[in-house]
PDB file of N, CA and C in Angstrom:
ATOM      1  N   UNK A   1      71.724 116.595 195.814  1.00  0.00           N
ATOM      2  CA  UNK A   1      71.744 117.194 194.457  1.00  0.00           C
ATOM      3  C   UNK A   1      70.440 118.099 194.381  1.00  0.00           C
ATOM      4  N   UNK A   2      70.440 118.730 193.246  1.00  0.00           N
ATOM      5  CA  UNK A   2      69.464 119.841 192.966  1.00  0.00           C
ATOM      6  C   UNK A   2      68.045 119.279 192.732  1.00  0.00           C
ATOM      7  N   UNK A   3      67.080 120.057 193.032  1.00  0.00           N
ATOM      8  CA  UNK A   3      65.628 119.583 192.694  1.00  0.00           C
ATOM      9  C   UNK A   3      65.164 120.437 191.466  1.00  0.00           C
ATOM     10  N   UNK A   4      66.077 120.990 190.644  1.00  0.00           N
ATOM     11  CA  UNK A   4      65.696 121.650 189.476  1.00  0.00           C
ATOM     12  C   UNK A   4      64.995 120.804 188.544  1.00  0.00           C
ATOM     13  N   UNK A   5      63.840 121.127 188.023  1.00  0.00           N
ATOM     14  CA  UNK A   5      63.242 120.368 186.965  1.00  0.00           C
ATOM     15  C   UNK A   5      63.926 120.605 185.514  1.00  0.00           C
ATOM     16  N   UNK A   6      64.351 119.497 184.940  1.00  0.00           N
ATOM     17  CA  UNK A   6      65.033 119.750 183.734  1.00  0.00           C
ATOM     18  C   UNK A   6      64.226 118.969 182.566  1.00  0.00           C
ATOM     19  N   UNK A   7      64.366 119.331 181.346  1.00  0.00           N
ATOM     20  CA  UNK A   7      63.696 118.740 180.213  1.00  0.00           C
ATOM     21  C   UNK A   7      64.597 117.827 179.335  1.00  0.00           C
ATOM     22  N   UNK A   8      65.950 118.080 179.515  1.00  0.00           N
ATOM     23  CA  UNK A   8      66.862 117.361 178.692  1.00  0.00           C
ATOM     24  C   UNK A   8      68.176 117.066 179.548  1.00  0.00           C
ATOM     25  N   UNK A   9      68.787 115.906 179.157  1.00  0.00           N
ATOM     26  CA  UNK A   9      69.955 115.541 180.081  1.00  0.00           C
ATOM     27  C   UNK A   9      71.052 115.285 178.985  1.00  0.00           C
ATOM     28  N   UNK A  10      72.244 115.580 179.348  1.00  0.00           N
ATOM     29  CA  UNK A  10      73.553 115.187 178.535  1.00  0.00           C
ATOM     30  C   UNK A  10      74.653 114.786 179.527  1.00  0.00           C
ATOM     31  N   UNK A  11      74.891 113.474 179.153  1.00  0.00           N
ATOM     32  CA  UNK A  11      75.889 112.785 180.052  1.00  0.00           C
ATOM     33  C   UNK A  11      77.257 112.856 179.296  1.00  0.00           C
ATOM     34  N   UNK A  12      78.284 113.570 179.744  1.00  0.00           N
ATOM     35  CA  UNK A  12      79.519 113.637 179.113  1.00  0.00           C
ATOM     36  C   UNK A  12      80.492 112.861 179.793  1.00  0.00           C
ATOM     37  N   UNK A  13      80.153 112.030 180.869  1.00  0.00           N
ATOM     38  CA  UNK A  13      80.972 111.388 181.613  1.00  0.00           C
ATOM     39  C   UNK A  13      82.165 110.540 180.909  1.00  0.00           C
ATOM     40  N   UNK A  14      83.419 110.703 181.363  1.00  0.00           N
ATOM     41  CA  UNK A  14      84.526 110.120 180.660  1.00  0.00           C
ATOM     42  C   UNK A  14      85.063 110.868 179.584  1.00  0.00           C
ATOM     43  N   UNK A  15      84.418 111.897 179.015  1.00  0.00           N
ATOM     44  CA  UNK A  15      85.002 112.736 178.025  1.00  0.00           C
ATOM     45  C   UNK A  15      85.866 113.848 178.421  1.00  0.00           C
ATOM     46  N   UNK A  16      86.843 114.230 177.818  1.00  0.00           N
ATOM     47  CA  UNK A  16      87.745 115.377 178.098  1.00  0.00           C
ATOM     48  C   UNK A  16      87.589 116.459 177.236  1.00  0.00           C
ATOM     49  N   UNK A  17      88.075 117.610 177.612  1.00  0.00           N
ATOM     50  CA  UNK A  17      87.952 118.952 176.788  1.00  0.00           C
ATOM     51  C   UNK A  17      88.638 118.592 175.448  1.00  0.00           C
ATOM     52  N   UNK A  18      87.884 118.972 174.374  1.00  0.00           N
ATOM     53  CA  UNK A  18      86.750 119.949 174.273  1.00  0.00           C
ATOM     54  C   UNK A  18      85.429 119.181 174.043  1.00  0.00           C
ATOM     55  N   UNK A  19      85.611 117.911 174.181  1.00  0.00           N
ATOM     56  CA  UNK A  19      84.211 117.119 173.845  1.00  0.00           C
ATOM     57  C   UNK A  19      83.027 117.520 174.524  1.00  0.00           C
ATOM     58  N   UNK A  20      83.118 117.675 175.895  1.00  0.00           N
ATOM     59  CA  UNK A  20      81.798 118.098 176.549  1.00  0.00           C
ATOM     60  C   UNK A  20      81.208 119.313 175.996  1.00  0.00           C
ATOM     61  N   UNK A  21      81.917 120.277 175.935  1.00  0.00           N
ATOM     62  CA  UNK A  21      81.539 121.659 175.366  1.00  0.00           C
ATOM     63  C   UNK A  21      80.910 121.471 173.974  1.00  0.00           C
ATOM     64  N   UNK A  22      81.667 120.671 173.215  1.00  0.00           N
ATOM     65  CA  UNK A  22      81.185 120.518 171.675  1.00  0.00           C
ATOM     66  C   UNK A  22      79.774 119.702 171.760  1.00  0.00           C
ATOM     67  N   UNK A  23      79.661 118.789 172.693  1.00  0.00           N
ATOM     68  CA  UNK A  23      78.385 118.129 172.743  1.00  0.00           C
ATOM     69  C   UNK A  23      77.294 119.067 173.316  1.00  0.00           C
ATOM     70  N   UNK A  24      77.633 119.860 174.264  1.00  0.00           N
ATOM     71  CA  UNK A  24      76.688 120.701 174.807  1.00  0.00           C
ATOM     72  C   UNK A  24      76.221 121.755 173.591  1.00  0.00           C
ATOM     73  N   UNK A  25      77.092 122.195 172.848  1.00  0.00           N
ATOM     74  CA  UNK A  25      76.623 123.058 171.883  1.00  0.00           C
ATOM     75  C   UNK A  25      75.662 122.386 170.818  1.00  0.00           C
ATOM     76  N   UNK A  26      75.902 121.111 170.586  1.00  0.00           N
ATOM     77  CA  UNK A  26      75.021 120.384 169.722  1.00  0.00           C
ATOM     78  C   UNK A  26      73.635 120.170 170.293  1.00  0.00           C
ATOM     79  N   UNK A  27      73.736 119.903 171.572  1.00  0.00           N
ATOM     80  CA  UNK A  27      72.489 119.562 172.363  1.00  0.00           C
ATOM     81  C   UNK A  27      71.527 120.924 172.496  1.00  0.00           C
ATOM     82  N   UNK A  28      72.123 122.014 172.809  1.00  0.00           N
ATOM     83  CA  UNK A  28      71.257 123.219 172.980  1.00  0.00           C
ATOM     84  C   UNK A  28      70.606 123.703 171.530  1.00  0.00           C
ATOM     85  N   UNK A  29      71.156 123.203 170.544  1.00  0.00           N
ATOM     86  CA  UNK A  29      70.688 123.437 169.090  1.00  0.00           C
ATOM     87  C   UNK A  29      69.327 122.735 169.041  1.00  0.00           C
ATOM     88  N   UNK A  30      69.193 121.536 169.662  1.00  0.00           N
ATOM     89  CA  UNK A  30      68.036 120.671 169.633  1.00  0.00           C
ATOM     90  C   UNK A  30      66.969 121.144 170.587  1.00  0.00           C
ATOM     91  N   UNK A  31      67.270 122.014 171.548  1.00  0.00           N
ATOM     92  CA  UNK A  31      66.318 122.435 172.561  1.00  0.00           C
ATOM     93  C   UNK A  31      65.496 123.678 172.097  1.00  0.00           C
ATOM     94  N   UNK A  32      64.391 123.774 172.720  1.00  0.00           N
ATOM     95  CA  UNK A  32      63.457 124.983 172.607  1.00  0.00           C
ATOM     96  C   UNK A  32      63.736 126.026 173.707  1.00  0.00           C
ATOM     97  N   UNK A  33      63.276 127.245 173.372  1.00  0.00           N
ATOM     98  CA  UNK A  33      63.335 128.420 174.396  1.00  0.00           C
ATOM     99  C   UNK A  33      62.689 127.912 175.670  1.00  0.00           C
ATOM    100  N   UNK A  34      63.311 128.068 176.771  1.00  0.00           N
ATOM    101  CA  UNK A  34      62.727 127.769 178.136  1.00  0.00           C
ATOM    102  C   UNK A  34      63.054 126.361 178.559  1.00  0.00           C
ATOM    103  N   UNK A  35      63.641 125.514 177.687  1.00  0.00           N
ATOM    104  CA  UNK A  35      64.087 124.120 178.295  1.00  0.00           C
ATOM    105  C   UNK A  35      65.264 124.210 179.192  1.00  0.00           C
ATOM    106  N   UNK A  36      65.466 123.311 179.905  1.00  0.00           N
ATOM    107  CA  UNK A  36      66.506 123.271 180.991  1.00  0.00           C
ATOM    108  C   UNK A  36      67.250 122.022 180.671  1.00  0.00           C
ATOM    109  N   UNK A  37      68.604 122.157 180.511  1.00  0.00           N
ATOM    110  CA  UNK A  37      69.455 120.973 180.279  1.00  0.00           C
ATOM    111  C   UNK A  37      70.314 120.609 181.650  1.00  0.00           C
ATOM    112  N   UNK A  38      70.199 119.353 181.884  1.00  0.00           N
ATOM    113  CA  UNK A  38      71.128 118.847 183.044  1.00  0.00           C
ATOM    114  C   UNK A  38      72.335 118.326 182.310  1.00  0.00           C
ATOM    115  N   UNK A  39      73.576 118.721 182.571  1.00  0.00           N
ATOM    116  CA  UNK A  39      74.759 118.216 182.037  1.00  0.00           C
ATOM    117  C   UNK A  39      75.470 117.564 183.200  1.00  0.00           C
ATOM    118  N   UNK A  40      75.981 116.274 182.886  1.00  0.00           N
ATOM    119  CA  UNK A  40      76.849 115.622 183.799  1.00  0.00           C
ATOM    120  C   UNK A  40      78.200 115.439 183.179  1.00  0.00           C
ATOM    121  N   UNK A  41      79.191 115.799 184.026  1.00  0.00           N
ATOM    122  CA  UNK A  41      80.586 115.770 183.414  1.00  0.00           C
ATOM    123  C   UNK A  41      81.546 115.148 184.514  1.00  0.00           C
ATOM    124  N   UNK A  42      82.700 114.609 183.978  1.00  0.00           N
ATOM    125  CA  UNK A  42      83.691 114.193 184.872  1.00  0.00           C
ATOM    126  C   UNK A  42      85.064 115.017 184.659  1.00  0.00           C
ATOM    127  N   UNK A  43      85.157 115.781 183.482  1.00  0.00           N
ATOM    128  CA  UNK A  43      86.319 116.628 183.239  1.00  0.00           C
ATOM    129  C   UNK A  43      86.259 117.873 184.146  1.00  0.00           C
ATOM    130  N   UNK A  44      87.246 117.990 184.988  1.00  0.00           N
ATOM    131  CA  UNK A  44      87.348 119.186 185.875  1.00  0.00           C
ATOM    132  C   UNK A  44      87.317 120.472 185.157  1.00  0.00           C
ATOM    133  N   UNK A  45      87.793 120.461 183.849  1.00  0.00           N
ATOM    134  CA  UNK A  45      87.861 121.751 183.081  1.00  0.00           C
ATOM    135  C   UNK A  45      86.483 122.333 182.659  1.00  0.00           C
ATOM    136  N   UNK A  46      85.489 121.450 182.949  1.00  0.00           N
ATOM    137  CA  UNK A  46      84.076 121.978 182.653  1.00  0.00           C
ATOM    138  C   UNK A  46      83.741 122.991 183.651  1.00  0.00           C
ATOM    139  N   UNK A  47      84.321 122.984 184.856  1.00  0.00           N
ATOM    140  CA  UNK A  47      84.034 124.067 185.763  1.00  0.00           C
ATOM    141  C   UNK A  47      84.453 125.438 185.335  1.00  0.00           C
ATOM    142  N   UNK A  48      85.291 125.545 184.310  1.00  0.00           N
ATOM    143  CA  UNK A  48      85.583 126.781 183.676  1.00  0.00           C
ATOM    144  C   UNK A  48      84.916 126.929 182.370  1.00  0.00           C
ATOM    145  N   UNK A  49      84.913 125.843 181.554  1.00  0.00           N
ATOM    146  CA  UNK A  49      84.362 125.924 180.163  1.00  0.00           C
ATOM    147  C   UNK A  49      82.870 126.122 180.127  1.00  0.00           C
ATOM    148  N   UNK A  50      82.073 125.381 180.905  1.00  0.00           N
ATOM    149  CA  UNK A  50      80.667 125.410 180.861  1.00  0.00           C
ATOM    150  C   UNK A  50      80.139 126.865 181.350  1.00  0.00           C
ATOM    151  N   UNK A  51      80.598 127.482 182.495  1.00  0.00           N
ATOM    152  CA  UNK A  51      80.082 128.739 182.726  1.00  0.00           C
ATOM    153  C   UNK A  51      80.561 129.752 181.624  1.00  0.00           C
ATOM    154  N   UNK A  52      81.744 129.616 181.012  1.00  0.00           N
ATOM    155  CA  UNK A  52      82.003 130.567 179.945  1.00  0.00           C
ATOM    156  C   UNK A  52      81.157 130.356 178.735  1.00  0.00           C
ATOM    157  N   UNK A  53      80.800 129.154 178.449  1.00  0.00           N
ATOM    158  CA  UNK A  53      79.938 128.849 177.343  1.00  0.00           C
ATOM    159  C   UNK A  53      78.531 129.544 177.535  1.00  0.00           C
ATOM    160  N   UNK A  54      78.022 129.394 178.797  1.00  0.00           N
ATOM    161  CA  UNK A  54      76.760 130.065 179.245  1.00  0.00           C
ATOM    162  C   UNK A  54      76.858 131.540 179.081  1.00  0.00           C
ATOM    163  N   UNK A  55      77.946 132.124 179.560  1.00  0.00           N
ATOM    164  CA  UNK A  55      78.088 133.594 179.492  1.00  0.00           C
ATOM    165  C   UNK A  55      78.130 134.112 178.105  1.00  0.00           C
ATOM    166  N   UNK A  56      78.957 133.435 177.308  1.00  0.00           N
ATOM    167  CA  UNK A  56      79.010 133.719 175.862  1.00  0.00           C
ATOM    168  C   UNK A  56      77.775 133.690 175.148  1.00  0.00           C
ATOM    169  N   UNK A  57      76.881 132.681 175.411  1.00  0.00           N
ATOM    170  CA  UNK A  57      75.613 132.541 174.550  1.00  0.00           C
ATOM    171  C   UNK A  57      74.482 133.291 175.406  1.00  0.00           C
ATOM    172  N   UNK A  58      74.768 133.601 176.606  1.00  0.00           N
ATOM    173  CA  UNK A  58      73.595 134.424 177.358  1.00  0.00           C
ATOM    174  C   UNK A  58      72.656 133.507 177.904  1.00  0.00           C
ATOM    175  N   UNK A  59      73.066 132.158 178.201  1.00  0.00           N
ATOM    176  CA  UNK A  59      72.135 131.237 178.775  1.00  0.00           C
ATOM    177  C   UNK A  59      72.378 131.187 180.269  1.00  0.00           C
ATOM    178  N   UNK A  60      71.267 131.316 180.996  1.00  0.00           N
ATOM    179  CA  UNK A  60      71.375 131.222 182.471  1.00  0.00           C
ATOM    180  C   UNK A  60      71.989 129.875 183.014  1.00  0.00           C
ATOM    181  N   UNK A  61      73.118 129.833 183.728  1.00  0.00           N
ATOM    182  CA  UNK A  61      73.610 128.758 184.433  1.00  0.00           C
ATOM    183  C   UNK A  61      72.806 128.710 185.773  1.00  0.00           C
ATOM    184  N   UNK A  62      71.750 127.855 185.888  1.00  0.00           N
ATOM    185  CA  UNK A  62      70.873 127.883 186.991  1.00  0.00           C
ATOM    186  C   UNK A  62      71.537 127.264 188.201  1.00  0.00           C
ATOM    187  N   UNK A  63      72.440 126.330 188.033  1.00  0.00           N
ATOM    188  CA  UNK A  63      73.078 125.621 189.226  1.00  0.00           C
ATOM    189  C   UNK A  63      74.314 125.001 188.658  1.00  0.00           C
ATOM    190  N   UNK A  64      75.263 124.879 189.567  1.00  0.00           N
ATOM    191  CA  UNK A  64      76.526 124.169 189.302  1.00  0.00           C
ATOM    192  C   UNK A  64      76.788 123.431 190.584  1.00  0.00           C
ATOM    193  N   UNK A  65      77.067 122.085 190.499  1.00  0.00           N
ATOM    194  CA  UNK A  65      77.378 121.248 191.732  1.00  0.00           C
ATOM    195  C   UNK A  65      78.600 120.286 191.391  1.00  0.00           C
ATOM    196  N   UNK A  66      79.166 119.916 192.492  1.00  0.00           N
ATOM    197  CA  UNK A  66      80.243 118.879 192.418  1.00  0.00           C
ATOM    198  C   UNK A  66      79.820 117.834 193.535  1.00  0.00           C
ATOM    199  N   UNK A  67      79.943 116.549 193.102  1.00  0.00           N
ATOM    200  CA  UNK A  67      79.836 115.318 193.991  1.00  0.00           C
ATOM    201  C   UNK A  67      81.015 114.490 193.702  1.00  0.00           C
ATOM    202  N   UNK A  68      82.106 114.655 194.453  1.00  0.00           N
ATOM    203  CA  UNK A  68      83.324 113.872 194.240  1.00  0.00           C
ATOM    204  C   UNK A  68      83.920 114.265 192.926  1.00  0.00           C
ATOM    205  N   UNK A  69      84.096 113.293 191.947  1.00  0.00           N
ATOM    206  CA  UNK A  69      84.633 113.597 190.643  1.00  0.00           C
ATOM    207  C   UNK A  69      83.482 113.857 189.628  1.00  0.00           C
ATOM    208  N   UNK A  70      82.360 114.011 190.084  1.00  0.00           N
ATOM    209  CA  UNK A  70      81.206 114.334 189.112  1.00  0.00           C
ATOM    210  C   UNK A  70      80.766 115.713 189.129  1.00  0.00           C
ATOM    211  N   UNK A  71      80.556 116.366 188.087  1.00  0.00           N
ATOM    212  CA  UNK A  71      80.223 117.774 188.012  1.00  0.00           C
ATOM    213  C   UNK A  71      78.862 117.917 187.319  1.00  0.00           C
ATOM    214  N   UNK A  72      77.979 118.635 187.900  1.00  0.00           N
ATOM    215  CA  UNK A  72      76.450 118.755 187.319  1.00  0.00           C
ATOM    216  C   UNK A  72      76.216 120.148 187.081  1.00  0.00           C
ATOM    217  N   UNK A  73      75.632 120.456 185.942  1.00  0.00           N
ATOM    218  CA  UNK A  73      75.271 121.752 185.608  1.00  0.00           C
ATOM    219  C   UNK A  73      73.811 121.743 185.170  1.00  0.00           C
ATOM    220  N   UNK A  74      73.079 122.938 185.392  1.00  0.00           N
ATOM    221  CA  UNK A  74      71.726 123.026 184.979  1.00  0.00           C
ATOM    222  C   UNK A  74      71.679 124.433 184.115  1.00  0.00           C
ATOM    223  N   UNK A  75      71.379 124.235 182.800  1.00  0.00           N
ATOM    224  CA  UNK A  75      71.495 125.417 181.888  1.00  0.00           C
ATOM    225  C   UNK A  75      70.112 125.649 181.410  1.00  0.00           C
ATOM    226  N   UNK A  76      69.746 126.967 181.208  1.00  0.00           N
ATOM    227  CA  UNK A  76      68.460 127.121 180.572  1.00  0.00           C
ATOM    228  C   UNK A  76      68.649 127.835 179.314  1.00  0.00           C
ATOM    229  N   UNK A  77      68.059 127.282 178.264  1.00  0.00           N
ATOM    230  CA  UNK A  77      68.073 127.887 176.982  1.00  0.00           C
ATOM    231  C   UNK A  77      66.972 129.020 176.922  1.00  0.00           C
ATOM    232  N   UNK A  78      67.438 130.219 176.764  1.00  0.00           N
ATOM    233  CA  UNK A  78      66.402 131.492 176.835  1.00  0.00           C
ATOM    234  C   UNK A  78      66.399 132.253 175.528  1.00  0.00           C
ATOM    235  N   UNK A  79      66.889 131.621 174.511  1.00  0.00           N
ATOM    236  CA  UNK A  79      66.747 132.109 173.015  1.00  0.00           C
ATOM    237  C   UNK A  79      66.169 131.100 172.142  1.00  0.00           C
ATOM    238  N   UNK A  80      65.727 131.502 171.006  1.00  0.00           N
ATOM    239  CA  UNK A  80      65.193 130.573 170.088  1.00  0.00           C
ATOM    240  C   UNK A  80      66.404 130.052 169.149  1.00  0.00           C
TER     241      UNK A  80
END
């Protein structure tokens, strides 16, 4: 797994679309500019939805990994 340093973690394991992205949206509202969020998911649709979320909001997707049925994302909040 990645050695990226993160300041927040969001575990959406067991949740299906659209819940992971809805929770992600709420979590980034709590974060400060420069914070990095680690998202853990088990829904395969997050491989499409989370990169689109990042692109839409302009947040860098620092890393995206898969370990079996678990998907991990590292997202940086670069705006206030």
